């Protein structure tokens, strides 16, 4: 009987460490990103579209993806703020013209 209790406790701890805690970290990072978004930020959506925020609403955003081309996306679809647009295209370890 005590072995069963220990087994159940170990499964609960494993569930917490492997599933629950990483999900909470991801949610925290998403909340942090959403609170830092500002008009004019260069962003990358979760579907891989690069653009600049031209309007930021409570639930959605307008993103300019080319001069004169603006799309409306859900605010949650913004995956990251792009600090240096050129950096996002270079894969780690990929050869560049300079070297």
Protein backbone atom coordinates (compact mmCIF):
# COMPACT_ATOMS: atom_id res chain seq x y z
CA UNK A 1 0.00 0.00 0.00
CA UNK A 2 2.69 2.60 0.82
CA UNK A 3 4.35 1.83 -2.54
CA UNK A 4 1.16 2.85 -4.35
CA UNK A 5 1.04 6.17 -2.47
CA UNK A 6 4.69 6.87 -3.29
CA UNK A 7 4.06 5.99 -6.94
CA UNK A 8 1.07 8.37 -7.13
CA UNK A 9 3.08 11.16 -5.49
CA UNK A 10 5.97 10.62 -7.92
CA UNK A 11 3.56 10.80 -10.86
CA UNK A 12 2.06 14.03 -9.53
CA UNK A 13 5.52 15.59 -9.11
CA UNK A 14 6.53 14.46 -12.61
CA UNK A 15 3.33 15.97 -14.04
CA UNK A 16 4.04 19.25 -12.28
CA UNK A 17 7.68 19.45 -13.37
CA UNK A 18 7.23 18.27 -16.95
CA UNK A 19 3.91 19.81 -17.94
CA UNK A 20 2.46 22.37 -15.59
CA UNK A 21 5.53 24.47 -14.75
CA UNK A 22 6.83 24.91 -18.35
CA UNK A 23 3.33 25.92 -19.48
CA UNK A 24 3.16 28.54 -16.73
CA UNK A 25 6.53 29.94 -17.88
CA UNK A 26 5.31 30.16 -21.48
CA UNK A 27 2.14 31.94 -20.40
CA UNK A 28 4.19 34.38 -18.34
CA UNK A 29 6.40 35.14 -21.33
CA UNK A 30 3.35 35.72 -23.56
CA UNK A 31 1.79 38.09 -21.01
CA UNK A 32 5.07 39.97 -20.76
CA UNK A 33 5.35 40.31 -24.55
CA UNK A 34 1.75 41.47 -24.89
CA UNK A 35 2.23 44.17 -22.25
CA UNK A 36 5.39 45.48 -23.96
CA UNK A 37 3.91 45.85 -27.46
CA UNK A 38 3.82 49.39 -28.80
CA UNK A 39 2.85 51.06 -32.03
CA UNK A 40 5.87 51.16 -34.33
CA UNK A 41 7.41 47.88 -33.09
CA UNK A 42 8.73 45.52 -35.77
CA UNK A 43 7.15 42.15 -35.04
CA UNK A 44 7.00 38.56 -36.25
CA UNK A 45 3.65 36.82 -36.07
CA UNK A 46 3.25 33.21 -35.04
CA UNK A 47 2.53 32.39 -38.70
CA UNK A 48 5.86 33.87 -39.83
CA UNK A 49 4.80 37.26 -41.17
CA UNK A 50 7.14 40.20 -40.52
CA UNK A 51 5.68 43.67 -40.17
CA UNK A 52 5.39 46.88 -38.18
CA UNK A 53 2.52 47.65 -35.80
CA UNK A 54 0.55 50.66 -37.05
CA UNK A 55 -2.43 50.30 -34.69
CA UNK A 56 -2.71 48.38 -31.46
CA UNK A 57 -6.12 47.55 -30.05
CA UNK A 58 -7.12 45.61 -26.96
CA UNK A 59 -7.72 42.37 -28.88
CA UNK A 60 -6.23 43.00 -32.32
CA UNK A 61 -3.53 44.91 -34.18
CA UNK A 62 -2.99 46.33 -37.65
CA UNK A 63 0.41 45.36 -39.05
CA UNK A 64 1.99 46.93 -42.12
CA UNK A 65 3.71 44.12 -44.01
CA UNK A 66 4.69 46.18 -47.07
CA UNK A 67 4.34 49.88 -47.92
CA UNK A 68 0.60 50.52 -48.11
CA UNK A 69 -0.34 46.92 -47.20
CA UNK A 70 -1.87 46.58 -43.75
CA UNK A 71 -3.33 43.39 -42.29
CA UNK A 72 -5.40 42.95 -39.15
CA UNK A 73 -4.31 40.18 -36.79
CA UNK A 74 -5.32 38.97 -33.36
CA UNK A 75 -3.03 40.45 -30.74
CA UNK A 76 -2.19 36.96 -29.52
CA UNK A 77 -0.85 36.10 -33.00
CA UNK A 78 2.14 38.38 -32.44
CA UNK A 79 4.91 35.95 -31.55
CA UNK A 80 7.89 38.22 -30.94
CA UNK A 81 9.24 41.73 -31.26
CA UNK A 82 12.05 41.89 -33.80
CA UNK A 83 14.89 44.07 -32.50
CA UNK A 84 17.26 43.81 -35.47
CA UNK A 85 15.38 42.88 -38.67
CA UNK A 86 18.54 41.51 -40.36
CA UNK A 87 19.35 39.16 -37.46
CA UNK A 88 16.18 37.11 -37.87
CA UNK A 89 17.17 35.83 -41.31
CA UNK A 90 20.57 34.38 -40.31
CA UNK A 91 20.34 30.86 -38.96
CA UNK A 92 22.93 29.86 -36.34
CA UNK A 93 26.00 28.42 -38.02
CA UNK A 94 24.90 29.59 -41.46
CA UNK A 95 27.60 31.03 -43.69
CA UNK A 96 27.32 34.72 -44.53
CA UNK A 97 28.95 36.88 -47.16
CA UNK A 98 31.38 38.31 -44.63
CA UNK A 99 32.69 34.98 -43.51
